PDB file of all heavy atoms in Angstrom:
ATOM      1  N   SER A   1     183.517 -38.678  36.020  1.00  0.00           N
ATOM      2  CA  SER A   1     182.484 -39.434  35.303  1.00  0.00           C
ATOM      3  C   SER A   1     182.966 -40.791  34.804  1.00  0.00           C
ATOM      4  O   SER A   1     182.160 -41.602  34.368  1.00  0.00           O
ATOM      5  CB  SER A   1     181.884 -38.643  34.135  1.00  0.00           C
ATOM      6  OG  SER A   1     180.872 -37.781  34.577  1.00  0.00           O
ATOM      7  N   ALA A   2     184.270 -41.039  34.858  1.00  0.00           N
ATOM      8  CA  ALA A   2     184.768 -42.349  34.433  1.00  0.00           C
ATOM      9  C   ALA A   2     184.272 -43.430  35.394  1.00  0.00           C
ATOM     10  O   ALA A   2     184.046 -43.183  36.581  1.00  0.00           O
ATOM     11  CB  ALA A   2     186.293 -42.339  34.376  1.00  0.00           C
ATOM     12  N   THR A   3     184.111 -44.639  34.874  1.00  0.00           N
ATOM     13  CA  THR A   3     183.657 -45.769  35.678  1.00  0.00           C
ATOM     14  C   THR A   3     184.766 -46.808  35.768  1.00  0.00           C
ATOM     15  O   THR A   3     185.335 -47.218  34.757  1.00  0.00           O
ATOM     16  CB  THR A   3     182.404 -46.421  35.067  1.00  0.00           C
ATOM     17  OG1 THR A   3     181.397 -45.428  34.861  1.00  0.00           O
ATOM     18  CG2 THR A   3     181.866 -47.498  35.991  1.00  0.00           C
ATOM     19  N   ILE A   4     185.083 -47.191  36.986  1.00  0.00           N
ATOM     20  CA  ILE A   4     186.041 -48.276  37.223  1.00  0.00           C
ATOM     21  C   ILE A   4     185.249 -49.584  37.246  1.00  0.00           C
ATOM     22  O   ILE A   4     184.313 -49.736  38.043  1.00  0.00           O
ATOM     23  CB  ILE A   4     186.798 -48.069  38.542  1.00  0.00           C
ATOM     24  CG1 ILE A   4     187.606 -46.763  38.489  1.00  0.00           C
ATOM     25  CG2 ILE A   4     187.722 -49.242  38.832  1.00  0.00           C
ATOM     26  CD1 ILE A   4     188.255 -46.390  39.806  1.00  0.00           C
ATOM     27  N   CYS A   5     185.620 -50.515  36.361  1.00  0.00           N
ATOM     28  CA  CYS A   5     184.817 -51.725  36.170  1.00  0.00           C
ATOM     29  C   CYS A   5     185.667 -52.982  36.308  1.00  0.00           C
ATOM     30  O   CYS A   5     186.896 -52.953  36.247  1.00  0.00           O
ATOM     31  CB  CYS A   5     184.186 -51.733  34.770  1.00  0.00           C
ATOM     32  SG  CYS A   5     183.164 -50.306  34.364  1.00  0.00           S
ATOM     33  N   ASP A   6     184.952 -54.087  36.454  1.00  0.00           N
ATOM     34  CA  ASP A   6     185.572 -55.408  36.364  1.00  0.00           C
ATOM     35  C   ASP A   6     185.977 -55.640  34.905  1.00  0.00           C
ATOM     36  O   ASP A   6     185.185 -55.385  34.002  1.00  0.00           O
ATOM     37  CB  ASP A   6     184.552 -56.452  36.808  1.00  0.00           C
ATOM     38  CG  ASP A   6     185.153 -57.844  36.947  1.00  0.00           C
ATOM     39  OD1 ASP A   6     185.925 -58.232  36.050  1.00  0.00           O
ATOM     40  OD2 ASP A   6     184.844 -58.545  37.923  1.00  0.00           O
ATOM     41  N   PRO A   7     187.222 -56.117  34.653  1.00  0.00           N
ATOM     42  CA  PRO A   7     187.637 -56.353  33.261  1.00  0.00           C
ATOM     43  C   PRO A   7     186.713 -57.288  32.489  1.00  0.00           C
ATOM     44  O   PRO A   7     186.606 -57.191  31.262  1.00  0.00           O
ATOM     45  CB  PRO A   7     189.044 -56.964  33.416  1.00  0.00           C
ATOM     46  CG  PRO A   7     189.521 -56.498  34.746  1.00  0.00           C
ATOM     47  CD  PRO A   7     188.299 -56.414  35.615  1.00  0.00           C
ATOM     48  N   ALA A   8     186.028 -58.185  33.204  1.00  0.00           N
ATOM     49  CA  ALA A   8     185.146 -59.124  32.531  1.00  0.00           C
ATOM     50  C   ALA A   8     183.808 -58.508  32.149  1.00  0.00           C
ATOM     51  O   ALA A   8     183.062 -59.093  31.351  1.00  0.00           O
ATOM     52  CB  ALA A   8     184.911 -60.341  33.432  1.00  0.00           C
ATOM     53  N   ALA A   9     183.479 -57.337  32.720  1.00  0.00           N
ATOM     54  CA  ALA A   9     182.196 -56.684  32.431  1.00  0.00           C
ATOM     55  C   ALA A   9     182.370 -55.173  32.423  1.00  0.00           C
ATOM     56  O   ALA A   9     181.929 -54.481  33.349  1.00  0.00           O
ATOM     57  CB  ALA A   9     181.145 -57.108  33.460  1.00  0.00           C
ATOM     58  N   PRO A  10     183.027 -54.629  31.387  1.00  0.00           N
ATOM     59  CA  PRO A  10     183.291 -53.181  31.344  1.00  0.00           C
ATOM     60  C   PRO A  10     182.070 -52.377  30.901  1.00  0.00           C
ATOM     61  O   PRO A  10     181.978 -51.926  29.762  1.00  0.00           O
ATOM     62  CB  PRO A  10     184.425 -53.080  30.319  1.00  0.00           C
ATOM     63  CG  PRO A  10     184.210 -54.245  29.408  1.00  0.00           C
ATOM     64  CD  PRO A  10     183.613 -55.347  30.252  1.00  0.00           C
ATOM     65  N   ALA A  11     181.102 -52.204  31.808  1.00  0.00           N
ATOM     66  CA  ALA A  11     179.864 -51.487  31.498  1.00  0.00           C
ATOM     67  C   ALA A  11     179.853 -50.162  32.253  1.00  0.00           C
ATOM     68  O   ALA A  11     179.628 -50.137  33.469  1.00  0.00           O
ATOM     69  CB  ALA A  11     178.654 -52.330  31.894  1.00  0.00           C
ATOM     70  N   PRO A  12     180.097 -49.031  31.582  1.00  0.00           N
ATOM     71  CA  PRO A  12     180.171 -47.741  32.284  1.00  0.00           C
ATOM     72  C   PRO A  12     178.802 -47.254  32.725  1.00  0.00           C
ATOM     73  O   PRO A  12     177.776 -47.541  32.092  1.00  0.00           O
ATOM     74  CB  PRO A  12     180.770 -46.799  31.233  1.00  0.00           C
ATOM     75  CG  PRO A  12     180.341 -47.396  29.930  1.00  0.00           C
ATOM     76  CD  PRO A  12     180.347 -48.884  30.137  1.00  0.00           C
ATOM     77  N   LEU A  13     178.774 -46.508  33.815  1.00  0.00           N
ATOM     78  CA  LEU A  13     177.559 -45.840  34.271  1.00  0.00           C
ATOM     79  C   LEU A  13     177.333 -44.603  33.404  1.00  0.00           C
ATOM     80  O   LEU A  13     178.265 -44.074  32.787  1.00  0.00           O
ATOM     81  CB  LEU A  13     177.692 -45.442  35.732  1.00  0.00           C
ATOM     82  CG  LEU A  13     177.678 -46.614  36.728  1.00  0.00           C
ATOM     83  CD1 LEU A  13     178.249 -46.182  38.071  1.00  0.00           C
ATOM     84  CD2 LEU A  13     176.275 -47.161  36.899  1.00  0.00           C
ATOM     85  N   PRO A  14     176.084 -44.093  33.326  1.00  0.00           N
ATOM     86  CA  PRO A  14     175.818 -42.891  32.519  1.00  0.00           C
ATOM     87  C   PRO A  14     176.668 -41.717  32.973  1.00  0.00           C
ATOM     88  O   PRO A  14     176.951 -41.564  34.167  1.00  0.00           O
ATOM     89  CB  PRO A  14     174.324 -42.634  32.759  1.00  0.00           C
ATOM     90  CG  PRO A  14     173.761 -43.954  33.185  1.00  0.00           C
ATOM     91  CD  PRO A  14     174.859 -44.645  33.930  1.00  0.00           C
ATOM     92  N   GLN A  15     177.073 -40.882  32.035  1.00  0.00           N
ATOM     93  CA  GLN A  15     177.863 -39.702  32.334  1.00  0.00           C
ATOM     94  C   GLN A  15     177.097 -38.765  33.265  1.00  0.00           C
ATOM     95  O   GLN A  15     175.863 -38.659  33.196  1.00  0.00           O
ATOM     96  CB  GLN A  15     178.215 -38.955  31.048  1.00  0.00           C
ATOM     97  CG  GLN A  15     179.177 -39.716  30.141  1.00  0.00           C
ATOM     98  CD  GLN A  15     180.616 -39.593  30.616  1.00  0.00           C
ATOM     99  OE1 GLN A  15     181.191 -38.522  30.604  1.00  0.00           O
ATOM    100  NE2 GLN A  15     181.184 -40.707  31.026  1.00  0.00           N
ATOM    101  N   ILE A  16     177.814 -38.094  34.154  1.00  0.00           N
ATOM    102  CA  ILE A  16     177.191 -37.139  35.071  1.00  0.00           C
ATOM    103  C   ILE A  16     176.906 -35.849  34.308  1.00  0.00           C
ATOM    104  O   ILE A  16     177.840 -35.212  33.799  1.00  0.00           O
ATOM    105  CB  ILE A  16     178.107 -36.844  36.272  1.00  0.00           C
ATOM    106  CG1 ILE A  16     178.412 -38.136  37.030  1.00  0.00           C
ATOM    107  CG2 ILE A  16     177.479 -35.805  37.192  1.00  0.00           C
ATOM    108  CD1 ILE A  16     179.438 -37.977  38.128  1.00  0.00           C
ATOM    109  N   PRO A  17     175.634 -35.442  34.184  1.00  0.00           N
ATOM    110  CA  PRO A  17     175.334 -34.205  33.448  1.00  0.00           C
ATOM    111  C   PRO A  17     175.773 -32.980  34.243  1.00  0.00           C
ATOM    112  O   PRO A  17     175.599 -32.913  35.452  1.00  0.00           O
ATOM    113  CB  PRO A  17     173.810 -34.247  33.300  1.00  0.00           C
ATOM    114  CG  PRO A  17     173.339 -35.072  34.453  1.00  0.00           C
ATOM    115  CD  PRO A  17     174.423 -36.084  34.712  1.00  0.00           C
ATOM    116  N   ILE A  18     176.345 -32.024  33.545  1.00  0.00           N
ATOM    117  CA  ILE A  18     176.852 -30.813  34.179  1.00  0.00           C
ATOM    118  C   ILE A  18     176.194 -29.599  33.526  1.00  0.00           C
ATOM    119  O   ILE A  18     176.029 -29.543  32.303  1.00  0.00           O
ATOM    120  CB  ILE A  18     178.388 -30.708  34.038  1.00  0.00           C
ATOM    121  CG1 ILE A  18     179.066 -31.942  34.654  1.00  0.00           C
ATOM    122  CG2 ILE A  18     178.908 -29.433  34.683  1.00  0.00           C
ATOM    123  CD1 ILE A  18     178.845 -32.104  36.127  1.00  0.00           C
ATOM    124  N   ASP A  19     175.798 -28.623  34.344  1.00  0.00           N
ATOM    125  CA  ASP A  19     175.217 -27.389  33.818  1.00  0.00           C
ATOM    126  C   ASP A  19     176.198 -26.663  32.902  1.00  0.00           C
ATOM    127  O   ASP A  19     177.415 -26.798  33.027  1.00  0.00           O
ATOM    128  CB  ASP A  19     174.846 -26.446  34.972  1.00  0.00           C
ATOM    129  CG  ASP A  19     173.476 -26.779  35.534  1.00  0.00           C
ATOM    130  OD1 ASP A  19     172.780 -27.599  34.930  1.00  0.00           O
ATOM    131  OD2 ASP A  19     173.126 -26.229  36.600  1.00  0.00           O
ATOM    132  N   GLU A  20     175.656 -25.871  32.004  1.00  0.00           N
ATOM    133  CA  GLU A  20     176.484 -25.008  31.173  1.00  0.00           C
ATOM    134  C   GLU A  20     177.215 -23.996  32.056  1.00  0.00           C
ATOM    135  O   GLU A  20     176.765 -23.690  33.162  1.00  0.00           O
ATOM    136  CB  GLU A  20     175.608 -24.265  30.152  1.00  0.00           C
ATOM    137  CG  GLU A  20     174.989 -25.170  29.101  1.00  0.00           C
ATOM    138  CD  GLU A  20     176.026 -25.815  28.210  1.00  0.00           C
ATOM    139  OE1 GLU A  20     177.014 -25.127  27.865  1.00  0.00           O
ATOM    140  OE2 GLU A  20     175.886 -27.006  27.889  1.00  0.00           O
ATOM    141  N   PRO A  21     178.353 -23.443  31.599  1.00  0.00           N
ATOM    142  CA  PRO A  21     179.085 -22.461  32.406  1.00  0.00           C
ATOM    143  C   PRO A  21     178.232 -21.255  32.764  1.00  0.00           C
ATOM    144  O   PRO A  21     177.326 -20.870  32.022  1.00  0.00           O
ATOM    145  CB  PRO A  21     180.244 -22.056  31.495  1.00  0.00           C
ATOM    146  CG  PRO A  21     180.390 -23.184  30.528  1.00  0.00           C
ATOM    147  CD  PRO A  21     179.017 -23.752  30.342  1.00  0.00           C
ATOM    148  N   THR A  22     178.531 -20.667  33.927  1.00  0.00           N
ATOM    149  CA  THR A  22     177.791 -19.479  34.359  1.00  0.00           C
ATOM    150  C   THR A  22     178.024 -18.311  33.409  1.00  0.00           C
ATOM    151  O   THR A  22     177.124 -17.538  33.108  1.00  0.00           O
ATOM    152  CB  THR A  22     178.242 -19.083  35.781  1.00  0.00           C
ATOM    153  OG1 THR A  22     178.072 -20.205  36.656  1.00  0.00           O
ATOM    154  CG2 THR A  22     177.437 -17.910  36.300  1.00  0.00           C
ATOM    155  N   ILE A  23     179.255 -18.167  32.907  1.00  0.00           N
ATOM    156  CA  ILE A  23     179.609 -17.087  31.984  1.00  0.00           C
ATOM    157  C   ILE A  23     180.197 -17.705  30.722  1.00  0.00           C
ATOM    158  O   ILE A  23     181.047 -18.592  30.797  1.00  0.00           O
ATOM    159  CB  ILE A  23     180.634 -16.118  32.610  1.00  0.00           C
ATOM    160  CG1 ILE A  23     180.033 -15.460  33.848  1.00  0.00           C
ATOM    161  CG2 ILE A  23     181.065 -15.058  31.604  1.00  0.00           C
ATOM    162  CD1 ILE A  23     181.012 -14.563  34.579  1.00  0.00           C
ATOM    163  N   ARG A  24     179.745 -17.247  29.574  1.00  0.00           N
ATOM    164  CA  ARG A  24     180.298 -17.704  28.305  1.00  0.00           C
ATOM    165  C   ARG A  24     180.811 -16.487  27.535  1.00  0.00           C
ATOM    166  O   ARG A  24     180.101 -15.482  27.421  1.00  0.00           O
ATOM    167  CB  ARG A  24     179.248 -18.448  27.492  1.00  0.00           C
ATOM    168  CG  ARG A  24     179.738 -18.878  26.109  1.00  0.00           C
ATOM    169  CD  ARG A  24     178.675 -19.637  25.348  1.00  0.00           C
ATOM    170  NE  ARG A  24     178.395 -20.925  25.984  1.00  0.00           N
ATOM    171  CZ  ARG A  24     177.453 -21.747  25.549  1.00  0.00           C
ATOM    172  NH1 ARG A  24     176.693 -21.418  24.527  1.00  0.00           N
ATOM    173  NH2 ARG A  24     177.257 -22.895  26.162  1.00  0.00           N
ATOM    174  N   MET A  25     182.021 -16.583  26.993  1.00  0.00           N
ATOM    175  CA  MET A  25     182.634 -15.474  26.262  1.00  0.00           C
ATOM    176  C   MET A  25     183.009 -15.930  24.863  1.00  0.00           C
ATOM    177  O   MET A  25     183.445 -17.068  24.663  1.00  0.00           O
ATOM    178  CB  MET A  25     183.884 -14.960  26.991  1.00  0.00           C
ATOM    179  CG  MET A  25     183.614 -14.489  28.402  1.00  0.00           C
ATOM    180  SD  MET A  25     185.092 -13.877  29.237  1.00  0.00           S
ATOM    181  CE  MET A  25     185.413 -12.398  28.307  1.00  0.00           C
ATOM    182  N   ILE A  26     182.809 -15.040  23.878  1.00  0.00           N
ATOM    183  CA  ILE A  26     183.179 -15.318  22.496  1.00  0.00           C
ATOM    184  C   ILE A  26     184.248 -14.309  22.084  1.00  0.00           C
ATOM    185  O   ILE A  26     184.047 -13.091  22.188  1.00  0.00           O
ATOM    186  CB  ILE A  26     181.955 -15.211  21.565  1.00  0.00           C
ATOM    187  CG1 ILE A  26     180.900 -16.253  21.959  1.00  0.00           C
ATOM    188  CG2 ILE A  26     182.384 -15.396  20.111  1.00  0.00           C
ATOM    189  CD1 ILE A  26     179.617 -16.152  21.152  1.00  0.00           C
ATOM    190  N   PHE A  27     185.397 -14.805  21.619  1.00  0.00           N
ATOM    191  CA  PHE A  27     186.487 -13.949  21.143  1.00  0.00           C
ATOM    192  C   PHE A  27     186.507 -13.991  19.614  1.00  0.00           C
ATOM    193  O   PHE A  27     186.562 -15.082  19.025  1.00  0.00           O
ATOM    194  CB  PHE A  27     187.834 -14.431  21.703  1.00  0.00           C
ATOM    195  CG  PHE A  27     187.935 -14.326  23.198  1.00  0.00           C
ATOM    196  CD1 PHE A  27     187.521 -15.362  24.012  1.00  0.00           C
ATOM    197  CD2 PHE A  27     188.428 -13.176  23.789  1.00  0.00           C
ATOM    198  CE1 PHE A  27     187.602 -15.273  25.388  1.00  0.00           C
ATOM    199  CE2 PHE A  27     188.525 -13.071  25.171  1.00  0.00           C
ATOM    200  CZ  PHE A  27     188.113 -14.119  25.967  1.00  0.00           C
ATOM    201  N   SER A  28     186.450 -12.813  18.975  1.00  0.00           N
ATOM    202  CA  SER A  28     186.426 -12.769  17.513  1.00  0.00           C
ATOM    203  C   SER A  28     187.150 -11.518  17.030  1.00  0.00           C
ATOM    204  O   SER A  28     187.509 -10.637  17.818  1.00  0.00           O
ATOM    205  CB  SER A  28     184.979 -12.774  17.007  1.00  0.00           C
ATOM    206  OG  SER A  28     184.278 -11.645  17.479  1.00  0.00           O
ATOM    207  N   VAL A  29     187.320 -11.440  15.729  1.00  0.00           N
ATOM    208  CA  VAL A  29     187.948 -10.275  15.128  1.00  0.00           C
ATOM    209  C   VAL A  29     187.045  -9.068  15.298  1.00  0.00           C
ATOM    210  O   VAL A  29     185.812  -9.157  15.151  1.00  0.00           O
ATOM    211  CB  VAL A  29     188.228 -10.534  13.634  1.00  0.00           C
ATOM    212  CG1 VAL A  29     188.800  -9.286  12.960  1.00  0.00           C
ATOM    213  CG2 VAL A  29     189.177 -11.714  13.481  1.00  0.00           C
ATOM    214  N   SER A  30     187.634  -7.929  15.630  1.00  0.00           N
ATOM    215  CA  SER A  30     186.845  -6.712  15.835  1.00  0.00           C
ATOM    216  C   SER A  30     186.149  -6.296  14.552  1.00  0.00           C
ATOM    217  O   SER A  30     186.746  -6.274  13.468  1.00  0.00           O
ATOM    218  CB  SER A  30     187.747  -5.581  16.332  1.00  0.00           C
ATOM    219  OG  SER A  30     187.014  -4.376  16.419  1.00  0.00           O
ATOM    220  N   THR A  31     184.855  -5.964  14.680  1.00  0.00           N
ATOM    221  CA  THR A  31     184.080  -5.458  13.535  1.00  0.00           C
ATOM    222  C   THR A  31     183.732  -3.976  13.719  1.00  0.00           C
ATOM    223  O   THR A  31     182.847  -3.456  13.049  1.00  0.00           O
ATOM    224  CB  THR A  31     182.783  -6.274  13.383  1.00  0.00           C
ATOM    225  OG1 THR A  31     182.034  -6.205  14.613  1.00  0.00           O
ATOM    226  CG2 THR A  31     183.085  -7.740  13.065  1.00  0.00           C
ATOM    227  N   SER A  32     184.452  -3.298  14.611  1.00  0.00           N
ATOM    228  CA  SER A  32     184.201  -1.890  14.857  1.00  0.00           C
ATOM    229  C   SER A  32     184.517  -1.054  13.615  1.00  0.00           C
ATOM    230  O   SER A  32     185.460  -1.349  12.882  1.00  0.00           O
ATOM    231  CB  SER A  32     185.061  -1.412  16.030  1.00  0.00           C
ATOM    232  OG  SER A  32     185.065   0.005  16.114  1.00  0.00           O
ATOM    233  N   PRO A  33     183.706  -0.006  13.342  1.00  0.00           N
ATOM    234  CA  PRO A  33     184.016   0.869  12.183  1.00  0.00           C
ATOM    235  C   PRO A  33     185.338   1.603  12.319  1.00  0.00           C
ATOM    236  O   PRO A  33     185.901   2.083  11.338  1.00  0.00           O
ATOM    237  CB  PRO A  33     182.839   1.850  12.172  1.00  0.00           C
ATOM    238  CG  PRO A  33     182.280   1.808  13.555  1.00  0.00           C
ATOM    239  CD  PRO A  33     182.488   0.408  14.021  1.00  0.00           C
TER     240      PRO A  33
END
């Protein structure tokens, strides 16, 4: 997503949007009884 520019006009292109991950995991302290 970085843009290589002319030093005299450093205008970046919009960031490339990326989908959220297919799998998301949360690690936390066990709350089991």
